[in-house]
Protein backbone atom coordinates (compact mmCIF):
# COMPACT_ATOMS: atom_id res chain seq x y z
CA MET A 1 110.51 -28.80 -15.82
CA ARG A 2 113.44 -27.32 -17.75
CA LEU A 3 113.83 -23.56 -17.72
CA ALA A 4 116.47 -21.45 -19.48
CA MET A 5 117.64 -18.11 -18.09
CA VAL A 6 120.17 -15.44 -18.98
CA ALA A 7 121.39 -12.91 -16.43
CA GLY A 8 123.94 -10.56 -17.90
CA GLU A 9 125.78 -8.94 -14.97
CA ALA A 10 125.96 -8.77 -11.18
CA SER A 11 122.65 -6.94 -10.69
CA GLY A 12 120.88 -9.32 -13.10
CA ASP A 13 122.41 -12.30 -11.32
CA LEU A 14 120.99 -11.00 -8.03
CA LEU A 15 117.49 -10.55 -9.48
CA ALA A 16 117.60 -13.89 -11.30
CA ALA A 17 118.66 -15.74 -8.16
CA ALA A 18 115.73 -14.30 -6.21
CA LEU A 19 113.36 -15.34 -8.97
CA LEU A 20 114.84 -18.83 -9.30
CA GLY A 21 114.56 -19.38 -5.56
CA ALA A 22 110.85 -18.57 -5.76
CA LEU A 23 110.34 -20.78 -8.80
CA ARG A 24 111.99 -23.71 -7.03
CA GLN A 25 109.53 -23.36 -4.16
CA ARG A 26 106.71 -24.02 -6.62
CA TRP A 27 108.55 -26.55 -8.81
CA PRO A 28 111.17 -28.27 -6.58
CA ALA A 29 112.45 -30.45 -9.42
CA LEU A 30 113.02 -27.50 -11.73
CA GLN A 31 116.18 -27.64 -13.85
CA ALA A 32 117.56 -24.22 -14.74
CA PHE A 33 120.45 -23.44 -17.07
CA GLY A 34 121.90 -20.80 -19.39
CA ILE A 35 124.07 -17.80 -18.46
CA GLY A 36 124.43 -16.70 -14.85
CA GLY A 37 126.73 -15.72 -12.04
CA PRO A 38 127.58 -16.91 -8.54
CA ARG A 39 124.22 -16.10 -6.96
CA LEU A 40 122.38 -18.18 -9.55
CA ALA A 41 124.95 -20.96 -9.12
CA ALA A 42 124.17 -20.99 -5.40
CA GLN A 43 120.56 -21.80 -6.37
CA GLY A 44 121.70 -24.86 -8.35
CA PHE A 45 121.72 -23.06 -11.70
CA GLU A 46 123.84 -24.66 -14.45
CA ALA A 47 125.82 -21.82 -16.04
CA TRP A 48 126.96 -22.68 -19.54
CA TRP A 49 128.69 -19.29 -19.66
CA PRO A 50 129.40 -16.94 -16.74
CA SER A 51 127.40 -13.73 -16.63
CA ASP A 52 130.49 -11.53 -16.60
CA ARG A 53 131.10 -12.48 -20.25
CA LEU A 54 128.16 -10.19 -21.07
CA ALA A 55 129.01 -7.38 -18.65
CA VAL A 56 130.10 -4.64 -21.05
CA HIS A 57 129.87 -0.91 -20.40
CA GLY A 58 128.45 1.42 -23.04
CA TYR A 59 128.47 1.35 -26.82
CA ALA A 60 132.22 1.57 -27.30
CA GLU A 61 132.79 -1.43 -25.03
CA ALA A 62 129.95 -3.35 -26.72
CA LEU A 63 131.45 -2.77 -30.16
CA ARG A 64 134.82 -4.03 -28.97
CA HIS A 65 133.27 -7.26 -27.66
CA TYR A 66 130.55 -7.63 -30.29
CA ARG A 67 131.94 -10.71 -32.04
CA GLU A 68 132.45 -12.59 -28.78
CA ILE A 69 129.01 -11.75 -27.37
CA SER A 70 127.26 -12.41 -30.67
CA GLY A 71 128.99 -15.79 -30.84
CA ILE A 72 127.78 -16.67 -27.33
CA ARG A 73 124.21 -15.71 -28.26
CA ASP A 74 124.29 -17.80 -31.44
CA ALA A 75 125.70 -20.80 -29.60
CA LEU A 76 123.13 -20.48 -26.82
CA ALA A 77 120.27 -20.14 -29.30
CA ALA A 78 121.40 -23.25 -31.16
CA ARG A 79 121.64 -25.25 -27.95
CA LEU A 80 118.21 -24.15 -26.75
CA LEU A 81 116.54 -24.76 -30.11
CA ALA A 82 118.08 -28.24 -30.27
CA ALA A 83 116.49 -29.12 -26.89
CA PRO A 84 113.78 -26.51 -26.22
CA PRO A 85 113.06 -25.64 -22.58
CA ALA A 86 109.57 -25.13 -21.21
CA ALA A 87 110.28 -21.40 -21.21
CA PHE A 88 113.05 -18.86 -21.43
CA ILE A 89 113.42 -15.95 -19.00
CA GLY A 90 115.77 -13.16 -19.94
CA VAL A 91 116.77 -11.19 -16.87
CA ASP A 92 117.63 -7.61 -17.80
CA ALA A 93 120.48 -7.40 -20.43
CA PRO A 94 117.95 -6.35 -23.10
CA ASP A 95 120.49 -5.85 -25.87
CA PHE A 96 121.47 -9.50 -25.55
CA ASN A 97 118.20 -11.04 -24.44
CA LEU A 98 115.56 -9.45 -26.69
CA GLY A 99 117.20 -10.71 -29.87
CA LEU A 100 117.57 -14.16 -28.38
CA GLU A 101 113.98 -14.13 -27.15
CA LYS A 102 112.74 -13.19 -30.62
CA ARG A 103 114.45 -16.24 -32.15
CA LEU A 104 113.14 -18.55 -29.45
CA LYS A 105 109.60 -17.18 -29.60
CA ALA A 106 109.51 -17.63 -33.39
CA ALA A 107 110.42 -21.28 -32.81
CA GLY A 108 107.56 -21.77 -30.33
CA VAL A 109 109.45 -21.38 -27.05
CA LYS A 110 107.55 -19.31 -24.49
CA THR A 111 109.57 -16.25 -23.59
CA MET A 112 109.49 -13.92 -20.62
CA HIS A 113 111.58 -10.89 -19.75
CA PHE A 114 112.23 -9.99 -16.13
CA VAL A 115 112.86 -6.25 -15.77
CA CYS A 116 111.23 -3.97 -18.27
CA PRO A 117 113.92 -2.12 -20.24
CA SER A 118 113.94 1.56 -19.44
CA ILE A 119 111.82 2.55 -22.44
CA TRP A 120 110.37 5.34 -20.28
CA ALA A 121 113.85 6.82 -19.91
CA TRP A 122 115.54 6.20 -23.26
CA ARG A 123 115.42 4.03 -26.41
CA GLY A 124 111.62 3.83 -26.48
CA GLY A 125 111.80 2.10 -29.85
CA ARG A 126 112.62 -1.13 -28.03
CA ALA A 127 108.93 -1.42 -27.09
CA LYS A 128 108.18 -2.65 -30.62
CA LYS A 129 111.01 -5.15 -30.38
CA MET A 130 109.60 -6.40 -27.09
CA ALA A 131 106.22 -7.12 -28.70
CA ALA A 132 107.96 -9.46 -31.14
CA SER A 133 110.22 -10.99 -28.50
CA CYS A 134 108.31 -11.43 -25.23
CA ASP A 135 105.19 -13.37 -24.36
CA HIS A 136 105.19 -11.63 -20.99
CA VAL A 137 107.21 -9.07 -19.05
CA LEU A 138 107.70 -9.15 -15.29
CA CYS A 139 107.91 -5.50 -14.22
CA LEU A 140 109.67 -4.12 -11.18
CA PHE A 141 107.90 -0.77 -11.12
CA PRO A 142 104.15 -0.11 -10.92
CA PHE A 143 103.88 2.30 -13.87
CA GLU A 144 105.42 -0.08 -16.42
CA PRO A 145 102.59 -2.53 -17.34
CA ALA A 146 100.29 0.24 -18.59
CA LEU A 147 103.11 1.67 -20.69
CA LEU A 148 103.85 -1.73 -22.22
CA ALA A 149 100.16 -2.36 -22.89
CA GLU A 150 100.19 0.65 -25.22
CA HIS A 151 102.59 -1.35 -27.39
CA GLY A 152 100.69 -4.64 -27.18
CA VAL A 153 103.02 -6.25 -24.63
CA ALA A 154 101.49 -8.29 -21.79
CA ALA A 155 103.06 -7.50 -18.43
CA THR A 156 102.63 -7.87 -14.68
CA PHE A 157 103.93 -5.66 -11.88
CA VAL A 158 105.52 -8.09 -9.43
CA GLY A 159 107.20 -5.60 -7.12
CA HIS A 160 110.94 -5.46 -6.67
CA PRO A 161 112.56 -8.48 -5.02
CA LEU A 162 115.13 -6.24 -3.38
CA ALA A 163 112.30 -4.46 -1.56
CA ASP A 164 111.31 -7.83 -0.09
CA THR A 165 114.80 -8.97 0.87
CA ILE A 166 116.12 -5.68 2.26
CA PRO A 167 114.58 -5.05 5.69
CA LEU A 168 112.46 -1.96 6.21
CA GLU A 169 114.72 -1.00 9.11
CA PRO A 170 118.35 -1.22 7.93
CA PRO A 171 120.61 -3.37 10.17
CA ARG A 172 123.18 -0.63 10.80
CA ALA A 173 124.69 -2.09 13.97
CA GLU A 174 125.03 -5.56 12.46
CA GLY A 175 126.63 -4.15 9.32
CA ARG A 176 129.17 -2.19 11.33
CA ALA A 177 129.99 -5.18 13.50
CA ALA A 178 130.54 -7.34 10.42
CA LEU A 179 132.97 -4.78 8.97
CA GLY A 180 134.72 -4.00 12.24
CA LEU A 181 133.42 -0.44 12.37
CA ALA A 182 132.59 1.38 15.59
CA ALA A 183 129.13 2.74 16.29
CA GLU A 184 130.49 6.28 16.48
CA ASP A 185 132.44 6.12 13.19
CA THR A 186 131.30 8.28 10.29
CA VAL A 187 131.35 5.95 7.29
CA VAL A 188 131.22 6.60 3.56
CA ALA A 189 130.57 3.60 1.29
CA LEU A 190 132.18 3.78 -2.15
CA LEU A 191 130.35 1.74 -4.80
CA PRO A 192 131.92 2.46 -8.21
CA GLY A 193 130.10 -0.32 -10.07
CA SER A 194 130.31 -4.03 -10.75
CA ARG A 195 131.77 -4.05 -14.27
CA ARG A 196 135.41 -3.72 -15.23
CA ALA A 197 134.84 -0.71 -17.46
CA GLU A 198 132.86 1.00 -14.68
CA ILE A 199 135.78 0.49 -12.32
CA ARG A 200 138.15 1.93 -14.90
CA TYR A 201 136.09 5.10 -15.45
CA ILE A 202 134.36 5.65 -12.11
CA ALA A 203 136.62 4.32 -9.35
CA PRO A 204 139.42 6.91 -9.87
CA PRO A 205 137.23 10.02 -9.32
CA PHE A 206 135.44 8.30 -6.43
CA LEU A 207 138.78 7.52 -4.78
CA ARG A 208 140.12 11.01 -5.39
CA ALA A 209 136.95 12.37 -3.77
CA ALA A 210 137.61 10.10 -0.78
CA ALA A 211 141.15 11.48 -0.58
CA LEU A 212 139.82 15.05 -0.50
CA LEU A 213 137.31 14.20 2.21
CA HIS A 214 139.94 12.39 4.26
CA ARG A 215 142.27 15.39 4.05
CA GLU A 216 139.50 17.59 5.49
CA ARG A 217 138.13 15.02 7.95
CA PRO A 218 140.77 12.44 8.93
CA ALA A 219 138.34 10.52 11.14
CA LEU A 220 136.15 9.48 8.18
CA ARG A 221 136.13 5.78 7.36
CA PHE A 222 135.63 4.46 3.83
CA VAL A 223 134.35 1.04 2.78
CA LEU A 224 134.59 -0.19 -0.82
CA PRO A 225 132.86 -3.51 -1.58
CA ALA A 226 134.42 -5.15 -4.64
CA ALA A 227 132.33 -7.38 -6.90
CA PRO A 228 133.70 -10.92 -7.36
CA GLY A 229 136.97 -10.90 -9.28
CA LEU A 230 137.40 -7.12 -9.25
CA ALA A 231 139.51 -6.65 -6.11
CA PRO A 232 142.80 -7.11 -8.05
CA LEU A 233 141.68 -4.32 -10.39
CA ILE A 234 140.56 -1.99 -7.59
CA ALA A 235 143.45 -2.36 -5.13
CA PRO A 236 146.04 -0.64 -7.38
CA LEU A 237 143.58 2.19 -8.02
CA VAL A 238 143.20 2.73 -4.28
CA ALA A 239 146.97 2.92 -3.92
CA GLU A 240 147.23 5.35 -6.84
CA HIS A 241 144.31 7.69 -6.20
CA ALA A 242 143.79 7.47 -2.42
CA PRO A 243 147.20 6.73 -0.88
CA GLY A 244 147.09 6.72 2.89
CA VAL A 245 143.30 6.94 2.97
CA PRO A 246 141.58 4.34 5.22
CA VAL A 247 139.67 2.61 2.42
CA GLN A 248 138.53 -0.80 3.59
CA LEU A 249 138.34 -3.02 0.51
CA VAL A 250 135.97 -5.95 1.11
CA GLY A 251 134.95 -8.81 -1.13
CA GLY A 252 131.31 -8.36 -2.13
CA GLN A 253 129.22 -7.39 0.91
CA SER A 254 127.67 -4.36 -0.81
CA HIS A 255 124.53 -4.74 1.30
CA THR A 256 126.62 -4.90 4.46
CA ALA A 257 128.44 -1.73 3.42
CA LEU A 258 125.17 0.07 2.65
CA ALA A 259 123.69 -1.00 5.99
CA ALA A 260 126.78 0.23 7.83
CA CYS A 261 127.41 3.56 6.11
CA ASP A 262 126.15 7.06 6.78
CA VAL A 263 126.42 8.21 3.15
CA THR A 264 127.28 6.40 -0.08
CA LEU A 265 129.09 7.62 -3.18
CA ILE A 266 127.61 5.28 -5.75
CA ALA A 267 127.52 4.51 -9.48
CA SER A 268 124.18 4.87 -11.24
CA GLY A 269 122.35 1.58 -11.70
CA THR A 270 120.47 -0.94 -9.61
CA ALA A 271 122.79 -0.20 -6.70
CA THR A 272 121.16 3.23 -6.29
CA LEU A 273 117.83 1.53 -5.64
CA GLU A 274 119.53 -0.76 -3.12
CA ALA A 275 120.96 2.29 -1.38
CA ALA A 276 117.50 3.88 -1.30
CA LEU A 277 116.01 0.73 0.21
CA PHE A 278 118.72 0.88 2.87
CA LYS A 279 117.57 4.51 3.42
CA ARG A 280 121.05 5.87 2.78
CA PRO A 281 121.68 9.42 1.52
CA MET A 282 123.70 9.12 -1.66
CA VAL A 283 125.69 10.95 -4.28
CA VAL A 284 125.30 9.33 -7.69
CA GLY A 285 128.21 9.45 -10.10
CA TYR A 286 128.76 7.93 -13.52
CA ALA A 287 131.26 8.16 -16.37
CA MET A 288 131.92 6.18 -19.52
CA HIS A 289 133.71 6.30 -22.85
CA ALA A 290 133.10 9.65 -24.55
CA LEU A 291 131.49 8.03 -27.61
CA SER A 292 129.07 6.00 -25.46
CA TRP A 293 128.17 9.13 -23.50
CA ALA A 294 127.49 11.15 -26.66
CA ILE A 295 125.15 8.44 -27.99
CA MET A 296 123.29 7.85 -24.73
CA LYS A 297 122.91 11.55 -23.96
CA ARG A 298 120.97 12.08 -27.20
CA MET A 299 118.62 9.19 -26.39
CA ARG A 300 117.56 10.32 -22.91
CA TYR A 301 113.89 11.26 -22.44
CA GLN A 302 114.06 12.67 -18.93
CA PRO A 303 116.51 14.56 -16.74
CA TRP A 304 117.16 11.78 -14.22
CA VAL A 305 119.30 8.64 -14.52
CA ALA A 306 119.33 7.38 -10.92
CA LEU A 307 116.42 5.10 -10.02
CA PRO A 308 115.48 6.93 -6.79
CA ASN A 309 115.13 10.17 -8.75
CA ILE A 310 113.19 8.48 -11.55
CA LEU A 311 110.74 6.98 -9.07
CA ALA A 312 110.41 10.28 -7.21
CA ARG A 313 110.20 12.28 -10.47
CA GLU A 314 112.60 14.84 -9.04
CA PHE A 315 116.21 15.21 -7.97
CA ILE A 316 116.06 13.99 -4.40
CA VAL A 317 119.72 12.89 -4.61
CA PRO A 318 122.47 14.60 -6.62
CA GLU A 319 123.67 13.15 -9.93
CA LEU A 320 127.17 13.99 -11.16
CA LEU A 321 127.62 12.49 -14.60
CA GLN A 322 130.47 12.26 -17.09
CA HIS A 323 132.32 15.63 -17.03
CA ASP A 324 130.81 16.43 -13.60
CA CYS A 325 131.98 13.10 -12.18
CA ARG A 326 135.12 14.64 -10.69
CA ALA A 327 136.69 14.56 -7.27
CA GLU A 328 135.85 18.11 -6.16
CA PRO A 329 132.08 18.14 -6.91
CA LEU A 330 131.70 14.55 -5.70
CA ALA A 331 133.38 15.38 -2.39
CA ALA A 332 131.35 18.57 -2.01
CA ALA A 333 128.09 16.66 -2.52
CA VAL A 334 129.06 14.03 0.06
CA ARG A 335 130.04 16.80 2.46
CA ARG A 336 126.60 18.40 2.15
CA TRP A 337 124.93 15.19 3.32
CA LEU A 338 127.38 14.79 6.19
CA ASP A 339 126.67 18.32 7.38
CA ASP A 340 122.86 18.41 7.03
CA ASP A 341 121.03 16.05 9.38
CA ALA A 342 117.63 17.51 8.44
CA ALA A 343 118.18 16.83 4.72
CA CYS A 344 119.24 13.28 5.54
CA ALA A 345 116.07 12.74 7.58
CA ARG A 346 113.90 14.05 4.72
CA VAL A 347 115.45 11.80 2.12
CA ARG A 348 115.22 8.78 4.43
CA ALA A 349 111.47 9.42 4.75
CA ARG A 350 111.15 9.53 0.95
CA PHE A 351 113.07 6.28 0.67
CA ASP A 352 110.87 4.62 3.30
CA ALA A 353 107.73 5.45 1.29
CA MET A 354 109.43 4.18 -1.86
CA HIS A 355 110.32 0.93 -0.12
CA HIS A 356 106.72 0.28 0.90
CA SER A 357 105.43 0.97 -2.63
CA LEU A 358 107.77 -1.66 -4.12
CA ARG A 359 107.40 -4.26 -1.36
CA LEU A 360 105.03 -6.90 -2.67
CA ASP A 361 105.19 -10.66 -2.36
CA THR A 362 107.41 -10.74 -5.45
CA ALA A 363 108.01 -14.48 -5.18
CA ARG A 364 104.30 -15.26 -5.35
CA ALA A 365 103.51 -12.63 -7.99
CA ALA A 366 106.36 -13.66 -10.26
CA THR A 367 105.73 -17.39 -10.02
CA ASP A 368 102.00 -16.84 -10.62
CA ALA A 369 102.84 -14.88 -13.78
CA VAL A 370 105.28 -17.55 -14.97
CA ALA A 371 102.69 -20.27 -14.31
CA GLN A 372 100.08 -18.40 -16.34
CA VAL A 373 102.43 -18.09 -19.28
CA LEU A 374 103.33 -21.78 -19.10
CA GLN A 375 99.67 -22.77 -19.03
CA ALA A 376 98.62 -20.44 -21.87
């Protein structure tokens, strides 16, 4: 069986790789190809373009790269229509994938979308586009299928693969050993994002916050996992914004850093859910181009942007966005976690309940849903 997939950035590559591994268990001879990153490649995926070609940040960045990304989508569509696969699965990246899925579906290719776009948070108009684009949606969160059904979109809640792969009890000691950290160290993990534009906007205030915290508490240790290819971009920022601060820059290993840390200062996105599954108190920060922020702010339907808060329906972790994403408030929010053991225990209990609610046999559920679509 031939299956096409598109994963548009590091988080999508992680989700797509988990799905492809499960699909290969059912169909060992499966051939998979399209757009993906290193985790998909490790599953034997044939990447015609690397996923980082699609990893843009906000509207301003998307406009700047529109011609390139549109050209990739047209070329991919032509290649898939010339030799149609059994199905196409778009993994996240809705701005890229939904348009592609619509063209493929119109030509008779069965289309699935893995990760429901956040129509419950912003840009609800995409639900209509999904009805024209997707034969089926694989949903990560339990409330999504009913919402999609209101718009005539078939969907299945398959749980979140990260909830399956991340252990219920975080491997703190193993993570610290892997990073050379002592059991008694107090560790802050800095996760400023996996895209170049995120690093440009978010890493500087995160690093300045680390510098403030280090000045107050010299014994603090900081770990910053860099997504593949981003270490050369991050290292000069560390030297500029956190000179003399013990920031341990490591290649990848975000899960190791989350397992090892006491608190994380983290960019909004899938990584916040990963941090919650590792039961780590967090401070969520985010910043982007002013034009992108102005557009997105008007489209928001709810007060939360971080996934743990969205799932909890309340601010259980602080969010410091755009103009609030500055060194002083970020450092103060981290400090509050470090100084309040009772608050940390309460949020860990909330995260544990969240983990159990998302922990299904995602491999079985997702492959069953894919099989049903293929047989329809």
